[in-house]
Amino acid sequence: MDPHHLRLLRELGERGSVAAVARAVRITPSAVSQQLNVLQRSARVPLTERRGRRLVLTPAGEALAAAAVDVMAALDRAARAVGDHLDDEDSAVTVAAYHSAGLSWFAPLLARSPGVRCFDEDVPHAEFPALVGDYDLVIAHRLAHSPPWPAERLTVIPLMIEPLYVAMSVDHPLAGRDPLRAVDVSAWPWISTHTGFPLEGILAAIAATAGRPLDVRHRINEFTVAASVVAGGAVLALLPGRTTAPDPRLVLRPLADLPAVRHIDVLTRPETLHRAAVRTVLTTLREIVGAPSPFIGAPGPRPPASR
């Protein structure tokens, strides 16, 4: 039964005529009659009857009208519950991020938003969109040439465009090379990410630019682990320029002939942003990162800092 039809039945019982109901709900008397007829078709017994020129409720109609009061009250409570949920700025918000983003931003986010629940998710590029079914906000990254996120079913909010640099130990023979080119780094052993994860494609581009395959010795996704391995030997790796913690053992250098960046975005379901708490956490996250809030018509993220 349609709640609107139940309301009309209740109004008829209380107001006493179709014309009075029509005036109350601001539709025509014929529309009231038509909708009551639709309600009647869903009932096994007559709900209304004619008494002279007036349409009145039968005993069954009166019973249903009384039940409609409870239905209207329940619907009102449900609507208020949804509204309270959407407007509650203190409700818990779940945030997932890949490792280096979590390392950089989870702690300051929790300091400003204690209600946040943080989760690390190190997944291949193609699996980030599915995470929005499990978390309110998902911090994801992709290379500039990677397929875009499926914006037809996600809301995508840019956080930053981050440069990717070649990392080497301070004692490495290339540490003083300026400019540094793909052919220079192609002769040294490398750390790569696992297959399917961002950054792997840039190593392929370095190999193609240099005209020789790279010697990939290790596959390590976690940048802090990769940085430790780089600092201890001759191996090279790609590390992000904004979310890599300063390390006096390392030198980070851009490639002159192969600029490399990654896009860092927040992915979420469109309806999730209806919640005030989620919008507040997203604004806080963007302030921490240095990107303007998406809710005040601000421009896009600032360019990455030079190193």
Protein backbone atom coordinates (compact mmCIF):
# COMPACT_ATOMS: atom_id res chain seq x y z
CA MET A 1 0.00 0.00 0.00
CA ASP A 2 1.20 3.45 -0.91
CA PRO A 3 1.67 5.67 2.19
CA HIS A 4 0.23 8.61 0.23
CA HIS A 5 -2.98 6.66 -0.41
CA LEU A 6 -3.19 5.76 3.28
CA ARG A 7 -2.85 9.42 4.15
CA LEU A 8 -5.78 10.29 1.88
CA LEU A 9 -7.90 7.62 3.57
CA ARG A 10 -7.03 9.01 6.97
CA GLU A 11 -7.79 12.55 5.83
CA LEU A 12 -11.17 11.42 4.52
CA GLY A 13 -12.04 9.91 7.87
CA GLU A 14 -11.03 13.08 9.73
CA ARG A 15 -12.27 15.75 7.31
CA GLY A 16 -15.47 14.08 6.24
CA SER A 17 -15.52 14.80 2.49
CA VAL A 18 -13.49 14.36 -0.67
CA ALA A 19 -13.62 18.11 -1.28
CA ALA A 20 -12.15 18.86 2.15
CA VAL A 21 -9.38 16.32 1.57
CA ALA A 22 -8.61 17.86 -1.82
CA ARG A 23 -8.28 21.32 -0.27
CA ALA A 24 -6.03 19.99 2.50
CA VAL A 25 -3.58 18.18 0.23
CA ARG A 26 -3.87 20.68 -2.65
CA ILE A 27 -5.02 18.32 -5.40
CA THR A 28 -8.32 18.05 -7.25
CA PRO A 29 -11.28 16.08 -5.86
CA SER A 30 -11.12 13.77 -8.87
CA ALA A 31 -7.46 13.02 -8.11
CA VAL A 32 -8.41 12.15 -4.52
CA SER A 33 -11.11 9.77 -5.76
CA GLN A 34 -8.78 8.14 -8.28
CA GLN A 35 -6.11 7.49 -5.66
CA LEU A 36 -8.63 6.12 -3.18
CA ASN A 37 -9.79 3.76 -5.93
CA VAL A 38 -6.21 2.55 -6.35
CA LEU A 39 -6.06 1.87 -2.61
CA GLN A 40 -9.37 0.04 -2.77
CA ARG A 41 -8.02 -2.36 -5.38
CA SER A 42 -5.40 -3.54 -2.87
CA ALA A 43 -8.02 -4.31 -0.18
CA ARG A 44 -10.23 -7.38 0.06
CA VAL A 45 -13.24 -5.49 1.49
CA PRO A 46 -14.78 -2.08 0.76
CA LEU A 47 -12.99 0.80 2.45
CA THR A 48 -15.52 3.53 1.57
CA GLU A 49 -19.23 3.77 0.88
CA ARG A 50 -21.75 6.37 -0.22
CA ARG A 51 -24.08 7.98 2.32
CA GLY A 52 -26.19 10.29 0.32
CA ARG A 53 -23.83 12.55 -1.57
CA ARG A 54 -20.92 11.97 0.80
CA LEU A 55 -18.17 9.36 0.62
CA VAL A 56 -17.45 7.93 4.08
CA LEU A 57 -15.33 5.19 5.54
CA THR A 58 -16.64 1.67 6.17
CA PRO A 59 -15.61 -0.06 9.42
CA ALA A 60 -12.74 -1.67 7.50
CA GLY A 61 -11.77 1.73 6.16
CA GLU A 62 -11.82 3.20 9.65
CA ALA A 63 -9.56 0.39 10.90
CA LEU A 64 -7.12 0.99 8.06
CA ALA A 65 -7.22 4.76 8.64
CA ALA A 66 -6.36 4.18 12.30
CA ALA A 67 -3.47 1.94 11.25
CA ALA A 68 -2.36 4.67 8.82
CA VAL A 69 -1.68 6.92 11.81
CA ASP A 70 0.90 4.42 13.03
CA VAL A 71 2.33 4.13 9.50
CA MET A 72 2.68 7.92 9.19
CA ALA A 73 4.33 8.11 12.61
CA ALA A 74 6.77 5.32 11.71
CA LEU A 75 7.64 6.98 8.40
CA ASP A 76 8.20 10.28 10.17
CA ARG A 77 10.52 8.59 12.68
CA ALA A 78 12.38 6.91 9.82
CA ALA A 79 12.78 10.21 7.96
CA ARG A 80 14.02 11.90 11.11
CA ALA A 81 16.47 9.04 11.75
CA VAL A 82 17.88 9.39 8.24
CA GLY A 83 18.10 13.15 8.64
CA ASP A 84 19.85 12.82 12.00
CA HIS A 85 22.29 10.33 10.47
CA LEU A 86 23.07 12.62 7.56
CA ASP A 87 23.44 15.69 9.78
CA ASP A 88 25.46 14.06 12.58
CA GLU A 89 28.96 15.51 12.28
CA ASP A 90 30.27 13.21 15.00
CA SER A 91 29.36 9.87 13.43
CA ALA A 92 32.22 7.49 12.60
CA VAL A 93 33.80 7.81 9.16
CA THR A 94 35.94 5.03 7.66
CA VAL A 95 38.98 6.02 5.57
CA ALA A 96 41.12 3.57 3.61
CA ALA A 97 44.46 4.43 2.03
CA TYR A 98 47.45 2.77 0.43
CA HIS A 99 50.53 2.59 2.64
CA SER A 100 52.44 5.79 1.89
CA ALA A 101 49.27 7.90 2.06
CA GLY A 102 48.36 6.32 5.38
CA LEU A 103 51.86 6.90 6.70
CA SER A 104 51.70 10.58 5.72
CA TRP A 105 48.14 11.52 6.61
CA PHE A 106 46.49 9.10 9.05
CA ALA A 107 48.14 10.56 12.16
CA PRO A 108 47.34 14.25 11.45
CA LEU A 109 43.84 13.28 10.33
CA LEU A 110 43.19 11.41 13.59
CA ALA A 111 44.57 14.33 15.58
CA ARG A 112 41.90 16.60 14.08
CA SER A 113 39.11 14.03 13.57
CA PRO A 114 39.13 11.45 16.39
CA GLY A 115 35.98 9.79 15.04
CA VAL A 116 37.77 8.57 11.91
CA ARG A 117 38.47 4.85 11.56
CA CYS A 118 41.60 4.19 9.45
CA PHE A 119 42.41 1.13 7.33
CA ASP A 120 45.39 0.37 5.09
CA GLU A 121 44.60 -1.20 1.71
CA ASP A 122 47.49 -1.98 -0.61
CA VAL A 123 45.74 -3.15 -3.79
CA PRO A 124 46.37 -3.07 -7.55
CA HIS A 125 45.13 -0.02 -9.43
CA ALA A 126 42.04 -1.79 -10.79
CA GLU A 127 40.82 -2.82 -7.32
CA PHE A 128 40.61 0.63 -5.73
CA PRO A 129 37.08 1.44 -7.01
CA ALA A 130 35.59 -1.66 -5.37
CA LEU A 131 36.79 -0.48 -1.95
CA VAL A 132 34.12 2.24 -1.83
CA GLY A 133 31.65 -0.50 -0.95
CA ASP A 134 33.57 -1.14 2.30
CA TYR A 135 34.78 2.35 3.29
CA ASP A 136 33.36 5.87 3.25
CA LEU A 137 36.48 7.45 1.72
CA VAL A 138 39.21 5.67 -0.23
CA ILE A 139 42.54 7.38 -0.93
CA ALA A 140 43.75 5.92 -4.22
CA HIS A 141 46.58 6.62 -6.64
CA ARG A 142 47.09 6.11 -10.36
CA LEU A 143 49.67 7.05 -12.96
CA ALA A 144 48.94 9.80 -15.45
CA HIS A 145 48.56 7.29 -18.29
CA SER A 146 46.50 4.77 -16.28
CA PRO A 147 42.81 4.30 -17.10
CA PRO A 148 40.67 6.91 -15.30
CA TRP A 149 38.50 5.95 -12.37
CA PRO A 150 34.94 4.89 -13.33
CA ALA A 151 33.36 8.29 -12.69
CA GLU A 152 29.95 7.06 -13.84
CA ARG A 153 29.60 5.14 -10.55
CA LEU A 154 32.05 6.97 -8.26
CA THR A 155 32.69 10.47 -7.07
CA VAL A 156 36.37 11.30 -7.66
CA ILE A 157 37.91 14.16 -5.66
CA PRO A 158 41.52 15.10 -6.53
CA LEU A 159 43.96 15.49 -3.65
CA MET A 160 47.25 16.19 -5.41
CA ILE A 161 49.48 15.44 -8.36
CA GLU A 162 52.68 14.04 -6.92
CA PRO A 163 56.06 13.82 -8.69
CA LEU A 164 57.89 10.50 -8.69
CA TYR A 165 61.66 10.58 -8.36
CA VAL A 166 64.52 8.14 -8.75
CA ALA A 167 65.81 7.29 -5.29
CA MET A 168 69.44 6.34 -4.65
CA SER A 169 71.83 6.28 -1.74
CA VAL A 170 73.83 9.43 -1.05
CA ASP A 171 76.98 7.53 -2.03
CA HIS A 172 75.59 6.29 -5.33
CA PRO A 173 77.62 7.24 -8.46
CA LEU A 174 74.51 8.86 -9.96
CA ALA A 175 73.86 11.09 -6.94
CA GLY A 176 75.79 13.94 -8.53
CA ARG A 177 74.62 13.42 -12.11
CA ASP A 178 72.78 16.46 -13.50
CA PRO A 179 70.73 16.11 -15.56
CA LEU A 180 69.71 12.54 -14.82
CA ARG A 181 68.30 10.62 -17.80
CA ALA A 182 66.62 7.29 -18.40
CA VAL A 183 69.72 5.86 -20.06
CA ASP A 184 71.76 6.69 -16.94
CA VAL A 185 69.49 4.80 -14.54
CA SER A 186 68.85 1.86 -16.88
CA ALA A 187 72.31 0.39 -16.22
CA TRP A 188 71.65 -0.14 -12.49
CA PRO A 189 69.59 -2.74 -10.58
CA TRP A 190 66.07 -1.73 -9.58
CA ILE A 191 63.28 -2.26 -7.09
CA SER A 192 59.82 -2.51 -8.66
CA THR A 193 56.34 -2.89 -7.22
CA HIS A 194 54.40 -6.12 -7.66
CA THR A 195 52.65 -6.73 -10.96
CA GLY A 196 49.50 -4.66 -11.41
CA PHE A 197 50.41 -2.00 -8.86
CA PRO A 198 51.05 1.65 -9.74
CA LEU A 199 54.64 2.66 -10.62
CA GLU A 200 55.40 -0.56 -12.51
CA GLY A 201 54.40 1.18 -15.75
CA ILE A 202 56.94 3.95 -15.24
CA LEU A 203 59.77 1.43 -15.06
CA ALA A 204 58.57 0.04 -18.38
CA ALA A 205 58.67 3.58 -19.78
CA ILE A 206 62.22 4.07 -18.49
CA ALA A 207 63.28 0.84 -20.20
CA ALA A 208 61.62 1.88 -23.46
CA THR A 209 63.21 5.35 -23.36
CA ALA A 210 66.65 3.90 -22.61
CA GLY A 211 66.26 1.15 -25.21
CA ARG A 212 67.20 -1.63 -22.82
CA PRO A 213 65.37 -3.79 -20.23
CA LEU A 214 65.81 -2.94 -16.57
CA ASP A 215 67.38 -5.38 -14.14
CA VAL A 216 64.56 -5.68 -11.57
CA ARG A 217 66.11 -7.38 -8.54
CA HIS A 218 63.36 -6.90 -5.96
CA ARG A 219 59.59 -6.38 -5.86
CA ILE A 220 58.58 -4.32 -2.84
CA ASN A 221 55.32 -2.39 -2.55
CA GLU A 222 55.97 -0.63 0.75
CA PHE A 223 57.97 2.53 0.07
CA THR A 224 59.62 2.66 3.52
CA VAL A 225 60.99 -0.85 2.97
CA ALA A 226 62.13 0.07 -0.53
CA ALA A 227 63.83 3.21 0.82
CA SER A 228 65.71 1.14 3.39
CA VAL A 229 66.97 -1.23 0.70
CA VAL A 230 67.98 1.68 -1.55
CA ALA A 231 69.89 3.35 1.28
CA GLY A 232 71.92 0.22 1.86
CA GLY A 233 73.27 -0.43 -1.62
CA ALA A 234 73.48 0.35 -5.33
CA VAL A 235 69.87 -0.48 -6.18
CA LEU A 236 67.48 2.23 -7.43
CA ALA A 237 63.74 2.72 -6.89
CA LEU A 238 60.99 5.18 -7.69
CA LEU A 239 59.75 7.06 -4.63
CA PRO A 240 57.04 9.73 -4.34
CA GLY A 241 58.24 13.29 -3.91
CA ARG A 242 55.60 14.51 -1.44
CA THR A 243 54.80 11.50 0.73
CA THR A 244 58.29 10.07 1.20
CA ALA A 245 59.63 10.84 4.68
CA PRO A 246 62.92 12.77 4.63
CA ASP A 247 65.87 10.39 4.92
CA PRO A 248 69.47 11.70 5.03
CA ARG A 249 70.64 8.40 3.53
CA LEU A 250 68.75 9.05 0.28
CA VAL A 251 68.90 11.36 -2.70
CA LEU A 252 65.72 11.84 -4.79
CA ARG A 253 66.27 13.01 -8.34
CA PRO A 254 63.85 13.71 -11.22
CA LEU A 255 64.40 12.25 -14.67
CA ALA A 256 65.04 15.02 -17.18
CA ASP A 257 63.73 13.09 -20.19
CA LEU A 258 60.82 11.23 -18.59
CA PRO A 259 58.76 13.32 -16.17
CA ALA A 260 56.75 10.99 -13.92
CA VAL A 261 53.77 11.82 -11.70
CA ARG A 262 50.92 10.05 -10.01
CA HIS A 263 47.42 11.32 -9.32
CA ILE A 264 46.20 10.94 -5.74
CA ASP A 265 42.43 11.04 -5.44
CA VAL A 266 39.67 10.30 -2.96
CA LEU A 267 37.08 7.84 -4.23
CA THR A 268 33.63 7.54 -2.68
CA ARG A 269 30.06 6.65 -3.54
CA PRO A 270 28.03 9.76 -4.44
CA GLU A 271 25.47 9.19 -1.70
CA THR A 272 28.18 8.94 0.97
CA LEU A 273 28.88 12.66 0.60
CA HIS A 274 25.35 13.41 1.79
CA ARG A 275 26.65 12.77 5.32
CA ALA A 276 27.93 15.88 7.07
CA ALA A 277 30.57 13.86 8.95
CA VAL A 278 32.04 12.52 5.71
CA ARG A 279 32.18 15.98 4.16
CA THR A 280 33.90 17.34 7.26
CA VAL A 281 36.54 14.59 7.24
CA LEU A 282 37.14 15.08 3.52
CA THR A 283 37.62 18.82 4.00
CA THR A 284 40.04 18.15 6.87
CA LEU A 285 42.00 15.68 4.77
CA ARG A 286 42.31 18.15 1.92
CA GLU A 287 43.49 20.84 4.34
CA ILE A 288 46.19 18.47 5.64
CA VAL A 289 47.30 17.64 2.10
CA GLY A 290 47.15 21.26 1.02
CA ALA A 291 44.28 21.01 -1.46
CA PRO A 292 41.32 23.44 -1.31
CA SER A 293 37.97 22.13 -0.12
CA PRO A 294 35.76 20.76 -2.93
CA PHE A 295 32.67 22.18 -1.22
CA ILE A 296 33.41 25.90 -1.58
CA GLY A 297 34.01 26.21 -5.33
CA ALA A 298 37.75 26.29 -4.87
CA PRO A 299 40.27 25.65 -7.67
CA GLY A 300 42.05 22.33 -8.08
CA PRO A 301 45.01 21.08 -6.03
CA ARG A 302 48.15 23.18 -5.89
CA PRO A 303 51.14 22.07 -7.96
CA PRO A 304 53.54 19.70 -6.20
CA ALA A 305 56.40 21.30 -4.32
CA SER A 306 59.77 21.27 -6.05
CA ARG A 307 62.62 19.41 -4.47
